[in-house]
Amino acid sequence: MKPKIAFFDFACCEGCQLQVVNLEAEMLDVIGAVDIVQFREAMTEKRDDYAIAFVEGSITRERDIPRLKKIREQAAILVALGACATIGGVNCLKNFQPSDEVRKYVYGERADWYETLAARPIDAVVPVDCYIHGCPIHKGEFLKVVKALLMGKKPEIPTYPVCVECKRAGNVCIFELGMTCLGPVTRAGCGAWCPTYQDNCAGCRGLIPDPNTNAEKEVLKKYGLTVEEAIGQFRIFLGYSEAAK
């Protein structure tokens, strides 16, 4: 029998699930190897007999917690899909503001109708077996992870920085273009998407294991930037880890 997989979402734009849909012809290979029983972005039917769960989005409400735990109980393998699920993502920006003020700003006079709590990645609530990083995820990496899981292998996720991929691509360093870049401490695997198009890396794939912060400070100093100026960039995607310190 084909392994049964399901996709779920919490607080997110669902762009990572759209990346899966965007596999187009390659999606036929995925469908040929697995039985998709839930995928709101692509189908209306749904069943709860899945073995592998792909979860997108961060946890931002109390009611999200029991739902996520139920998914975890059912799934033999749980995969965090995208920046919001893996590291908290942009949703964690609200964690640096008073909760009541955030609700009033978004919902106005109906603020009391909506519950909220500090945004967090899903591994702050349940154990996660595998991570697919990025905002959005890289389609090729998704396929590699699925293939590895179906073969019973641990997916190989890069532990080196984006700078390695920039050098491979022959990119001009973003710092040389007068911008701040988090590439020296951010996990690679995206093919240096943003720097290749002369935009800065904002850290959507999270920090590499044991990042060389001293080297990052030296780079900032070399280009006349301060750590304080870089903190704002870190908060875009890494706000949960910063707030948790």
C-alpha atoms as a PDB file:
ATOM      1  CA  MET A   1       0.000   0.000   0.000  1.00  0.00           C
ATOM      2  CA  LYS A   2       1.095   3.552  -0.676  1.00  0.00           C
ATOM      3  CA  PRO A   3       2.060   5.620   2.371  1.00  0.00           C
ATOM      4  CA  LYS A   4      -0.749   8.018   3.280  1.00  0.00           C
ATOM      5  CA  ILE A   5       0.217  11.682   3.683  1.00  0.00           C
ATOM      6  CA  ALA A   6      -1.694  14.788   4.699  1.00  0.00           C
ATOM      7  CA  PHE A   7      -1.100  18.551   4.678  1.00  0.00           C
ATOM      8  CA  PHE A   8      -2.222  20.907   7.442  1.00  0.00           C
ATOM      9  CA  ASP A   9      -1.924  24.644   8.048  1.00  0.00           C
ATOM     10  CA  PHE A  10      -1.994  26.977  10.998  1.00  0.00           C
ATOM     11  CA  ALA A  11      -1.038  30.698  10.938  1.00  0.00           C
ATOM     12  CA  CYS A  12       0.556  31.216   7.523  1.00  0.00           C
ATOM     13  CA  CYS A  13      -0.069  32.374   3.952  1.00  0.00           C
ATOM     14  CA  GLU A  14      -0.113  28.744   2.722  1.00  0.00           C
ATOM     15  CA  GLY A  15       2.541  29.668   0.161  1.00  0.00           C
ATOM     16  CA  CYS A  16       4.589  26.571   0.985  1.00  0.00           C
ATOM     17  CA  GLN A  17       1.654  24.320   0.150  1.00  0.00           C
ATOM     18  CA  LEU A  18       1.238  26.261  -3.085  1.00  0.00           C
ATOM     19  CA  GLN A  19       4.859  25.428  -3.873  1.00  0.00           C
ATOM     20  CA  VAL A  20       3.896  21.763  -3.631  1.00  0.00           C
ATOM     21  CA  VAL A  21       0.988  22.359  -6.004  1.00  0.00           C
ATOM     22  CA  ASN A  22       3.406  24.210  -8.306  1.00  0.00           C
ATOM     23  CA  LEU A  23       5.370  21.011  -8.790  1.00  0.00           C
ATOM     24  CA  GLU A  24       2.921  20.425 -11.673  1.00  0.00           C
ATOM     25  CA  ALA A  25       4.276  17.511 -13.761  1.00  0.00           C
ATOM     26  CA  GLU A  26       6.568  16.388 -10.946  1.00  0.00           C
ATOM     27  CA  MET A  27       3.507  16.216  -8.694  1.00  0.00           C
ATOM     28  CA  LEU A  28       2.371  13.224 -10.741  1.00  0.00           C
ATOM     29  CA  ASP A  29       5.427  11.325  -9.514  1.00  0.00           C
ATOM     30  CA  VAL A  30       4.532  12.204  -5.915  1.00  0.00           C
ATOM     31  CA  ILE A  31       0.923  11.101  -6.403  1.00  0.00           C
ATOM     32  CA  GLY A  32       2.188   7.875  -7.928  1.00  0.00           C
ATOM     33  CA  ALA A  33       4.232   7.100  -4.825  1.00  0.00           C
ATOM     34  CA  VAL A  34       1.869   8.203  -2.042  1.00  0.00           C
ATOM     35  CA  ASP A  35      -1.808   8.479  -1.232  1.00  0.00           C
ATOM     36  CA  ILE A  36      -2.706  12.073  -0.320  1.00  0.00           C
ATOM     37  CA  VAL A  37      -5.655  11.944   2.088  1.00  0.00           C
ATOM     38  CA  GLN A  38      -5.819  15.635   3.105  1.00  0.00           C
ATOM     39  CA  PHE A  39      -4.643  18.701   1.200  1.00  0.00           C
ATOM     40  CA  ARG A  40      -7.017  21.665   1.428  1.00  0.00           C
ATOM     41  CA  GLU A  41      -5.151  23.640  -1.233  1.00  0.00           C
ATOM     42  CA  ALA A  42      -5.636  20.902  -3.816  1.00  0.00           C
ATOM     43  CA  MET A  43      -8.604  18.669  -2.912  1.00  0.00           C
ATOM     44  CA  THR A  44     -11.920  18.680  -1.060  1.00  0.00           C
ATOM     45  CA  GLU A  45     -11.939  15.063   0.163  1.00  0.00           C
ATOM     46  CA  LYS A  46     -10.182  14.270   3.412  1.00  0.00           C
ATOM     47  CA  ARG A  47      -9.431  11.308   5.666  1.00  0.00           C
ATOM     48  CA  ASP A  48      -7.630  10.991   8.982  1.00  0.00           C
ATOM     49  CA  ASP A  49      -5.683   7.785   8.378  1.00  0.00           C
ATOM     50  CA  TYR A  50      -2.397   9.466   7.402  1.00  0.00           C
ATOM     51  CA  ALA A  51       1.077   8.286   8.410  1.00  0.00           C
ATOM     52  CA  ILE A  52       3.072  11.363   7.333  1.00  0.00           C
ATOM     53  CA  ALA A  53       1.863  14.882   8.170  1.00  0.00           C
ATOM     54  CA  PHE A  54       3.244  18.054   6.580  1.00  0.00           C
ATOM     55  CA  VAL A  55       2.390  21.017   8.781  1.00  0.00           C
ATOM     56  CA  GLU A  56       2.672  24.626   7.611  1.00  0.00           C
ATOM     57  CA  GLY A  57       2.240  27.677   9.830  1.00  0.00           C
ATOM     58  CA  SER A  58       3.096  28.842  13.326  1.00  0.00           C
ATOM     59  CA  ILE A  59       1.017  28.421  16.464  1.00  0.00           C
ATOM     60  CA  THR A  60      -0.696  31.674  17.451  1.00  0.00           C
ATOM     61  CA  ARG A  61      -3.853  30.627  19.302  1.00  0.00           C
ATOM     62  CA  GLU A  62      -4.580  28.449  22.311  1.00  0.00           C
ATOM     63  CA  ARG A  63      -7.013  26.364  20.260  1.00  0.00           C
ATOM     64  CA  ASP A  64      -4.188  25.518  17.828  1.00  0.00           C
ATOM     65  CA  ILE A  65      -2.372  23.480  20.461  1.00  0.00           C
ATOM     66  CA  PRO A  66      -4.806  20.539  20.912  1.00  0.00           C
ATOM     67  CA  ARG A  67      -5.313  20.372  17.126  1.00  0.00           C
ATOM     68  CA  LEU A  68      -1.559  20.138  16.532  1.00  0.00           C
ATOM     69  CA  LYS A  69      -1.183  17.526  19.269  1.00  0.00           C
ATOM     70  CA  LYS A  70      -3.921  15.427  17.646  1.00  0.00           C
ATOM     71  CA  ILE A  71      -2.065  15.575  14.320  1.00  0.00           C
ATOM     72  CA  ARG A  72       1.130  14.536  16.110  1.00  0.00           C
ATOM     73  CA  GLU A  73      -0.604  11.569  17.753  1.00  0.00           C
ATOM     74  CA  GLN A  74      -1.869  10.290  14.414  1.00  0.00           C
ATOM     75  CA  ALA A  75       1.285  10.857  12.351  1.00  0.00           C
ATOM     76  CA  ALA A  76       4.199   8.445  12.493  1.00  0.00           C
ATOM     77  CA  ILE A  77       6.280  11.218  10.909  1.00  0.00           C
ATOM     78  CA  LEU A  78       5.607  14.927  11.302  1.00  0.00           C
ATOM     79  CA  VAL A  79       7.328  17.390   8.940  1.00  0.00           C
ATOM     80  CA  ALA A  80       7.491  21.136   9.631  1.00  0.00           C
ATOM     81  CA  LEU A  81       6.868  22.864   6.309  1.00  0.00           C
ATOM     82  CA  GLY A  82       8.301  26.347   5.747  1.00  0.00           C
ATOM     83  CA  ALA A  83       9.617  29.170   7.911  1.00  0.00           C
ATOM     84  CA  CYS A  84       6.468  29.727   9.975  1.00  0.00           C
ATOM     85  CA  ALA A  85       6.410  26.090  11.083  1.00  0.00           C
ATOM     86  CA  THR A  86      10.162  25.584  11.419  1.00  0.00           C
ATOM     87  CA  ILE A  87      11.306  28.790  13.135  1.00  0.00           C
ATOM     88  CA  GLY A  88       8.142  30.833  13.791  1.00  0.00           C
ATOM     89  CA  GLY A  89       8.584  33.111  10.787  1.00  0.00           C
ATOM     90  CA  VAL A  90       7.181  36.578  10.259  1.00  0.00           C
ATOM     91  CA  ASN A  91       4.278  35.904  12.624  1.00  0.00           C
ATOM     92  CA  CYS A  92       6.693  36.218  15.540  1.00  0.00           C
ATOM     93  CA  LEU A  93       7.118  39.942  14.857  1.00  0.00           C
ATOM     94  CA  LYS A  94       4.000  40.444  16.952  1.00  0.00           C
ATOM     95  CA  ASN A  95       5.808  38.964  19.948  1.00  0.00           C
ATOM     96  CA  PHE A  96       7.727  42.232  20.347  1.00  0.00           C
ATOM     97  CA  GLN A  97       4.524  44.235  20.855  1.00  0.00           C
ATOM     98  CA  PRO A  98       1.914  44.114  23.649  1.00  0.00           C
ATOM     99  CA  SER A  99      -0.667  41.492  22.723  1.00  0.00           C
ATOM    100  CA  ASP A 100      -3.676  43.749  23.322  1.00  0.00           C
ATOM    101  CA  GLU A 101      -2.213  46.485  21.129  1.00  0.00           C
ATOM    102  CA  VAL A 102      -1.582  44.015  18.304  1.00  0.00           C
ATOM    103  CA  ARG A 103      -5.171  42.757  18.394  1.00  0.00           C
ATOM    104  CA  LYS A 104      -6.594  46.271  18.401  1.00  0.00           C
ATOM    105  CA  TYR A 105      -4.344  47.275  15.507  1.00  0.00           C
ATOM    106  CA  VAL A 106      -5.500  44.324  13.397  1.00  0.00           C
ATOM    107  CA  TYR A 107      -9.130  43.909  14.430  1.00  0.00           C
ATOM    108  CA  GLY A 108     -10.102  47.353  15.749  1.00  0.00           C
ATOM    109  CA  GLU A 109     -13.251  47.443  17.882  1.00  0.00           C
ATOM    110  CA  ARG A 110     -13.721  43.683  17.405  1.00  0.00           C
ATOM    111  CA  ALA A 111     -10.350  42.855  18.983  1.00  0.00           C
ATOM    112  CA  ASP A 112     -11.967  40.943  21.859  1.00  0.00           C
ATOM    113  CA  TRP A 113     -13.539  38.524  19.406  1.00  0.00           C
ATOM    114  CA  TYR A 114     -10.173  37.008  18.523  1.00  0.00           C
ATOM    115  CA  GLU A 115      -7.874  35.055  20.812  1.00  0.00           C
ATOM    116  CA  THR A 116      -4.114  35.211  20.379  1.00  0.00           C
ATOM    117  CA  LEU A 117      -0.907  34.174  22.075  1.00  0.00           C
ATOM    118  CA  ALA A 118       2.786  34.631  21.337  1.00  0.00           C
ATOM    119  CA  ALA A 119       3.590  33.055  17.958  1.00  0.00           C
ATOM    120  CA  ARG A 120       5.881  30.028  17.996  1.00  0.00           C
ATOM    121  CA  PRO A 121       7.165  27.266  15.684  1.00  0.00           C
ATOM    122  CA  ILE A 122       5.441  23.905  15.913  1.00  0.00           C
ATOM    123  CA  ASP A 123       8.365  22.209  17.677  1.00  0.00           C
ATOM    124  CA  ALA A 124       7.673  24.484  20.637  1.00  0.00           C
ATOM    125  CA  VAL A 125       4.485  22.432  21.083  1.00  0.00           C
ATOM    126  CA  VAL A 126       5.175  18.920  19.729  1.00  0.00           C
ATOM    127  CA  PRO A 127       8.215  16.904  18.609  1.00  0.00           C
ATOM    128  CA  VAL A 128       9.103  17.311  14.917  1.00  0.00           C
ATOM    129  CA  ASP A 129      10.803  14.591  12.879  1.00  0.00           C
ATOM    130  CA  CYS A 130      11.905  16.596   9.849  1.00  0.00           C
ATOM    131  CA  TYR A 131      12.180  20.212   8.718  1.00  0.00           C
ATOM    132  CA  ILE A 132      11.765  21.747   5.262  1.00  0.00           C
ATOM    133  CA  HIS A 133      12.982  25.320   5.620  1.00  0.00           C
ATOM    134  CA  GLY A 134      12.338  28.494   3.665  1.00  0.00           C
ATOM    135  CA  CYS A 135       9.782  31.165   2.818  1.00  0.00           C
ATOM    136  CA  PRO A 136       8.566  29.664   0.650  1.00  0.00           C
ATOM    137  CA  ILE A 137      10.034  26.175   0.588  1.00  0.00           C
ATOM    138  CA  HIS A 138      12.148  25.101  -2.374  1.00  0.00           C
ATOM    139  CA  LYS A 139      10.234  22.659  -4.574  1.00  0.00           C
ATOM    140  CA  GLY A 140      13.316  20.564  -5.281  1.00  0.00           C
ATOM    141  CA  GLU A 141      14.071  20.195  -1.584  1.00  0.00           C
ATOM    142  CA  PHE A 142      10.490  19.094  -0.909  1.00  0.00           C
ATOM    143  CA  LEU A 143      10.870  16.308  -3.471  1.00  0.00           C
ATOM    144  CA  LYS A 144      14.188  15.213  -1.954  1.00  0.00           C
ATOM    145  CA  VAL A 145      12.673  15.047   1.521  1.00  0.00           C
ATOM    146  CA  VAL A 146       9.654  13.050   0.332  1.00  0.00           C
ATOM    147  CA  LYS A 147      11.880  10.575  -1.515  1.00  0.00           C
ATOM    148  CA  ALA A 148      14.129  10.146   1.521  1.00  0.00           C
ATOM    149  CA  LEU A 149      11.178   9.544   3.834  1.00  0.00           C
ATOM    150  CA  LEU A 150       9.673   6.966   1.480  1.00  0.00           C
ATOM    151  CA  MET A 151      13.021   5.163   1.422  1.00  0.00           C
ATOM    152  CA  GLY A 152      13.224   5.191   5.206  1.00  0.00           C
ATOM    153  CA  LYS A 153      16.213   7.537   5.193  1.00  0.00           C
ATOM    154  CA  LYS A 154      16.860  10.717   7.124  1.00  0.00           C
ATOM    155  CA  PRO A 155      16.619  13.683   4.715  1.00  0.00           C
ATOM    156  CA  GLU A 156      19.884  15.553   4.264  1.00  0.00           C
ATOM    157  CA  ILE A 157      19.337  19.221   5.038  1.00  0.00           C
ATOM    158  CA  PRO A 158      22.326  21.590   4.510  1.00  0.00           C
ATOM    159  CA  THR A 159      24.127  22.800   7.617  1.00  0.00           C
ATOM    160  CA  TYR A 160      26.433  25.253   5.829  1.00  0.00           C
ATOM    161  CA  PRO A 161      25.629  28.945   5.181  1.00  0.00           C
ATOM    162  CA  VAL A 162      24.053  30.615   2.162  1.00  0.00           C
ATOM    163  CA  CYS A 163      27.434  32.212   1.410  1.00  0.00           C
ATOM    164  CA  VAL A 164      28.614  28.829   0.098  1.00  0.00           C
ATOM    165  CA  GLU A 165      25.832  28.802  -2.496  1.00  0.00           C
ATOM    166  CA  CYS A 166      26.506  32.428  -3.405  1.00  0.00           C
ATOM    167  CA  LYS A 167      30.119  31.601  -4.151  1.00  0.00           C
ATOM    168  CA  ARG A 168      29.085  28.605  -6.236  1.00  0.00           C
ATOM    169  CA  ALA A 169      26.739  30.832  -8.238  1.00  0.00           C
ATOM    170  CA  GLY A 170      29.417  33.494  -8.703  1.00  0.00           C
ATOM    171  CA  ASN A 171      27.256  36.167  -7.073  1.00  0.00           C
ATOM    172  CA  VAL A 172      28.549  39.585  -6.101  1.00  0.00           C
ATOM    173  CA  CYS A 173      28.406  39.798  -2.310  1.00  0.00           C
ATOM    174  CA  ILE A 174      25.289  41.650  -1.191  1.00  0.00           C
ATOM    175  CA  PHE A 175      27.411  43.645   1.245  1.00  0.00           C
ATOM    176  CA  GLU A 176      29.339  44.995  -1.745  1.00  0.00           C
ATOM    177  CA  LEU A 177      26.013  46.303  -3.058  1.00  0.00           C
ATOM    178  CA  GLY A 178      25.495  48.345   0.093  1.00  0.00           C
ATOM    179  CA  MET A 179      22.935  46.076   1.782  1.00  0.00           C
ATOM    180  CA  THR A 180      22.872  43.975   4.953  1.00  0.00           C
ATOM    181  CA  CYS A 181      22.828  40.210   4.444  1.00  0.00           C
ATOM    182  CA  LEU A 182      22.273  37.324   6.864  1.00  0.00           C
ATOM    183  CA  GLY A 183      23.805  34.802   4.472  1.00  0.00           C
ATOM    184  CA  PRO A 184      26.927  34.193   6.622  1.00  0.00           C
ATOM    185  CA  VAL A 185      24.817  32.653   9.416  1.00  0.00           C
ATOM    186  CA  THR A 186      21.726  31.391   7.532  1.00  0.00           C
ATOM    187  CA  ARG A 187      21.180  27.755   6.534  1.00  0.00           C
ATOM    188  CA  ALA A 188      21.704  27.094   2.818  1.00  0.00           C
ATOM    189  CA  GLY A 189      19.518  24.932   0.599  1.00  0.00           C
ATOM    190  CA  CYS A 190      17.639  27.559  -1.394  1.00  0.00           C
ATOM    191  CA  GLY A 191      20.317  27.965  -4.034  1.00  0.00           C
ATOM    192  CA  ALA A 192      20.917  31.525  -2.767  1.00  0.00           C
ATOM    193  CA  TRP A 193      17.615  32.605  -4.286  1.00  0.00           C
ATOM    194  CA  CYS A 194      17.544  36.175  -3.000  1.00  0.00           C
ATOM    195  CA  PRO A 195      21.229  37.138  -3.431  1.00  0.00           C
ATOM    196  CA  THR A 196      21.201  35.701  -6.962  1.00  0.00           C
ATOM    197  CA  TYR A 197      18.625  38.377  -7.815  1.00  0.00           C
ATOM    198  CA  GLN A 198      20.601  41.008  -5.898  1.00  0.00           C
ATOM    199  CA  ASP A 199      18.378  41.019  -2.843  1.00  0.00           C
ATOM    200  CA  ASN A 200      19.603  40.400   0.684  1.00  0.00           C
ATOM    201  CA  CYS A 201      19.200  37.130   2.570  1.00  0.00           C
ATOM    202  CA  ALA A 202      16.751  37.744   5.422  1.00  0.00           C
ATOM    203  CA  GLY A 203      17.341  34.418   7.163  1.00  0.00           C
ATOM    204  CA  CYS A 204      14.110  32.622   6.239  1.00  0.00           C
ATOM    205  CA  ARG A 205      15.791  29.205   6.488  1.00  0.00           C
ATOM    206  CA  GLY A 206      16.952  29.790  10.045  1.00  0.00           C
ATOM    207  CA  LEU A 207      20.422  29.841  11.554  1.00  0.00           C
ATOM    208  CA  ILE A 208      23.015  27.203  10.752  1.00  0.00           C
ATOM    209  CA  PRO A 209      24.056  24.993  13.683  1.00  0.00           C
ATOM    210  CA  ASP A 210      26.631  26.836  15.811  1.00  0.00           C
ATOM    211  CA  PRO A 211      26.697  30.002  13.678  1.00  0.00           C
ATOM    212  CA  ASN A 212      29.943  31.962  13.719  1.00  0.00           C
ATOM    213  CA  THR A 213      28.542  35.160  15.193  1.00  0.00           C
ATOM    214  CA  ASN A 214      32.012  36.655  15.590  1.00  0.00           C
ATOM    215  CA  ALA A 215      32.592  36.300  11.842  1.00  0.00           C
ATOM    216  CA  GLU A 216      29.218  37.957  11.172  1.00  0.00           C
ATOM    217  CA  LYS A 217      30.188  40.867  13.440  1.00  0.00           C
ATOM    218  CA  GLU A 218      33.490  41.227  11.602  1.00  0.00           C
ATOM    219  CA  VAL A 219      31.671  41.365   8.258  1.00  0.00           C
ATOM    220  CA  LEU A 220      29.286  44.004   9.595  1.00  0.00           C
ATOM    221  CA  LYS A 221      32.194  46.040  10.940  1.00  0.00           C
ATOM    222  CA  LYS A 222      34.027  45.755   7.611  1.00  0.00           C
ATOM    223  CA  TYR A 223      31.080  47.329   5.805  1.00  0.00           C
ATOM    224  CA  GLY A 224      30.395  49.982   8.422  1.00  0.00           C
ATOM    225  CA  LEU A 225      27.294  48.377   9.939  1.00  0.00           C
ATOM    226  CA  THR A 226      26.427  47.765  13.567  1.00  0.00           C
ATOM    227  CA  VAL A 227      24.922  44.729  15.241  1.00  0.00           C
ATOM    228  CA  GLU A 228      21.905  46.861  16.172  1.00  0.00           C
ATOM    229  CA  GLU A 229      21.293  47.609  12.494  1.00  0.00           C
ATOM    230  CA  ALA A 230      21.338  43.899  11.724  1.00  0.00           C
ATOM    231  CA  ILE A 231      18.955  42.957  14.543  1.00  0.00           C
ATOM    232  CA  GLY A 232      15.997  44.374  12.628  1.00  0.00           C
ATOM    233  CA  GLN A 233      16.790  42.007   9.757  1.00  0.00           C
ATOM    234  CA  PHE A 234      17.059  39.030  12.111  1.00  0.00           C
ATOM    235  CA  ARG A 235      13.629  39.740  13.574  1.00  0.00           C
ATOM    236  CA  ILE A 236      11.859  39.349  10.223  1.00  0.00           C
ATOM    237  CA  PHE A 237      12.077  35.551  10.397  1.00  0.00           C
ATOM    238  CA  LEU A 238      14.039  34.743  13.554  1.00  0.00           C
ATOM    239  CA  GLY A 239      11.943  36.661  16.054  1.00  0.00           C
ATOM    240  CA  TYR A 240      10.980  33.605  18.081  1.00  0.00           C
ATOM    241  CA  SER A 241      14.559  32.552  18.776  1.00  0.00           C
ATOM    242  CA  GLU A 242      15.479  36.120  19.672  1.00  0.00           C
ATOM    243  CA  ALA A 243      12.458  36.626  21.936  1.00  0.00           C
ATOM    244  CA  ALA A 244      13.119  33.286  23.624  1.00  0.00           C
ATOM    245  CA  LYS A 245      16.583  34.352  24.763  1.00  0.00           C
END
